[in-house]
Amino acid sequence: MKKQYQAGDVVVGKVTGIQPYGAFVALDEETQGLVHISEITYGYVKEVSEFLAIGQEVNVKVLEVDEQANKISLSIRATQEKPPAPRKDSGSRQSLQSRVDERDSEGFNSLRDKMQEWIKKSGQ
């Protein structure tokens, strides 16, 4: 490695290769690292080539440096702002009983009427 890189460094690199599992990014003349497919962006990435192209300059964060194996793990998504989590229900919250009363009041009323009829019959 020409320059020493440490975990946490954010640098500009150039995409030099694309594989199904990620992209290789050159950090300088002699050093390149791998951006694993899971570190390209937030969300699901099916095809690396839909997000990156050879020759493209990208901001990357150094995640790990393995000097013995001469490997550097990089992340593009670590340089991006995390998108807000989607809200599941933006409507007002109602209790289960409120929803039952709202939708099934007719069914309960007929049951109430039947109950009165059944009580009268049982007392004969």
Protein backbone atom coordinates (compact mmCIF):
# COMPACT_ATOMS: atom_id res chain seq x y z
CA MET A 1 0.00 0.00 0.00
CA LYS A 2 1.35 3.35 -1.02
CA LYS A 3 -0.59 5.31 1.60
CA GLN A 4 -1.72 4.12 5.00
CA TYR A 5 -5.50 3.99 5.37
CA GLN A 6 -7.30 3.54 8.66
CA ALA A 7 -10.83 2.51 9.58
CA GLY A 8 -13.01 5.60 9.61
CA ASP A 9 -11.16 7.46 6.84
CA VAL A 10 -13.42 8.96 4.15
CA VAL A 11 -11.74 9.29 0.76
CA VAL A 12 -12.61 9.69 -2.91
CA GLY A 13 -11.95 6.64 -5.04
CA LYS A 14 -12.59 5.45 -8.58
CA VAL A 15 -14.57 2.32 -9.47
CA THR A 16 -12.23 -0.05 -11.29
CA GLY A 17 -14.30 -3.22 -11.44
CA ILE A 18 -17.80 -4.52 -10.86
CA GLN A 19 -18.65 -8.04 -9.73
CA PRO A 20 -21.97 -9.60 -8.62
CA TYR A 21 -20.83 -9.31 -4.99
CA GLY A 22 -19.63 -5.68 -5.07
CA ALA A 23 -17.29 -3.17 -6.67
CA PHE A 24 -13.54 -2.62 -6.56
CA VAL A 25 -12.52 0.97 -5.91
CA ALA A 26 -9.02 2.39 -6.42
CA LEU A 27 -8.00 4.69 -3.57
CA ASP A 28 -4.65 5.64 -5.10
CA GLU A 29 -2.20 4.37 -7.74
CA GLU A 30 -1.41 1.18 -5.81
CA THR A 31 -4.32 0.64 -3.42
CA GLN A 32 -7.79 -0.61 -4.03
CA GLY A 33 -10.55 -1.91 -1.79
CA LEU A 34 -13.86 -3.68 -2.09
CA VAL A 35 -17.30 -2.18 -1.55
CA HIS A 36 -19.48 -5.19 -0.75
CA ILE A 37 -22.93 -5.13 -2.40
CA SER A 38 -24.53 -4.57 1.02
CA GLU A 39 -22.44 -1.39 1.48
CA ILE A 40 -23.38 0.33 -1.80
CA THR A 41 -26.52 2.10 -0.60
CA TYR A 42 -29.39 1.83 1.85
CA GLY A 43 -32.03 -0.62 0.71
CA TYR A 44 -31.84 -3.63 -1.56
CA VAL A 45 -29.27 -3.81 -4.37
CA LYS A 46 -29.88 -6.55 -6.93
CA GLU A 47 -27.40 -5.43 -9.60
CA VAL A 48 -24.29 -3.47 -8.66
CA SER A 49 -24.16 -2.00 -12.17
CA GLU A 50 -27.51 -0.26 -11.57
CA PHE A 51 -25.75 1.95 -8.99
CA LEU A 52 -22.12 2.13 -10.12
CA ALA A 53 -20.11 2.31 -13.35
CA ILE A 54 -16.44 1.69 -14.06
CA GLY A 55 -14.55 4.99 -13.93
CA GLN A 56 -17.11 6.63 -11.62
CA GLU A 57 -15.68 8.60 -8.69
CA VAL A 58 -17.28 7.79 -5.35
CA ASN A 59 -16.91 8.82 -1.73
CA VAL A 60 -16.06 5.79 0.39
CA LYS A 61 -15.49 5.18 4.07
CA VAL A 62 -12.81 2.71 5.12
CA LEU A 63 -14.46 0.06 7.28
CA GLU A 64 -11.54 -2.27 7.86
CA VAL A 65 -7.91 -2.63 6.82
CA ASP A 66 -6.32 -6.09 6.80
CA GLU A 67 -2.64 -5.34 6.15
CA GLN A 68 -1.58 -8.99 6.27
CA ALA A 69 -4.06 -9.97 3.55
CA ASN A 70 -3.59 -6.57 1.86
CA LYS A 71 -7.38 -6.01 1.77
CA ILE A 72 -9.47 -2.95 2.50
CA SER A 73 -13.21 -3.08 3.12
CA LEU A 74 -15.06 0.04 1.98
CA SER A 75 -18.56 1.47 2.24
CA ILE A 76 -20.37 4.00 0.08
CA ARG A 77 -23.56 3.94 2.14
CA ALA A 78 -21.64 4.93 5.29
CA THR A 79 -21.02 8.29 3.56
CA GLN A 80 -24.73 8.77 2.84
CA GLU A 81 -27.45 10.07 5.13
CA LYS A 82 -29.70 7.29 6.36
CA PRO A 83 -33.21 7.68 4.92
CA PRO A 84 -36.08 7.98 7.39
CA ALA A 85 -37.88 4.75 8.19
CA PRO A 86 -41.25 4.48 6.46
CA ARG A 87 -44.27 4.96 8.68
CA LYS A 88 -46.59 1.99 8.74
CA ASP A 89 -49.83 3.80 9.55
CA SER A 90 -50.26 7.52 9.18
CA GLY A 91 -53.99 7.46 10.06
CA SER A 92 -55.40 7.92 13.53
CA ARG A 93 -55.15 4.95 15.83
CA GLN A 94 -58.40 3.40 17.06
CA SER A 95 -58.89 0.75 19.64
CA LEU A 96 -60.10 -2.64 18.51
CA GLN A 97 -63.41 -2.06 20.28
CA SER A 98 -63.94 1.22 18.40
CA ARG A 99 -63.33 -0.50 15.08
CA VAL A 100 -65.69 -3.37 16.00
CA ASP A 101 -68.40 -0.94 17.10
CA GLU A 102 -67.91 1.11 13.93
CA ARG A 103 -68.06 -1.76 11.44
CA ASP A 104 -70.18 -4.42 13.09
CA SER A 105 -72.78 -2.54 15.10
CA GLU A 106 -75.61 -4.02 13.03
CA GLY A 107 -74.42 -7.57 13.70
CA PHE A 108 -74.23 -6.91 17.43
CA ASN A 109 -77.64 -5.27 17.50
CA SER A 110 -79.29 -8.26 15.86
CA LEU A 111 -77.54 -10.52 18.35
CA ARG A 112 -78.83 -8.34 21.20
CA ASP A 113 -82.36 -8.64 19.81
CA LYS A 114 -82.01 -12.41 19.48
CA MET A 115 -80.70 -12.64 23.03
CA GLN A 116 -83.87 -10.99 24.36
CA GLU A 117 -85.97 -13.46 22.33
CA TRP A 118 -83.97 -16.44 23.63
CA ILE A 119 -84.32 -15.27 27.25
CA LYS A 120 -88.12 -15.04 26.85
CA LYS A 121 -88.30 -18.53 25.34
CA SER A 122 -86.18 -20.06 28.09
CA GLY A 123 -88.48 -18.67 30.79
CA GLN A 124 -91.65 -20.34 29.38
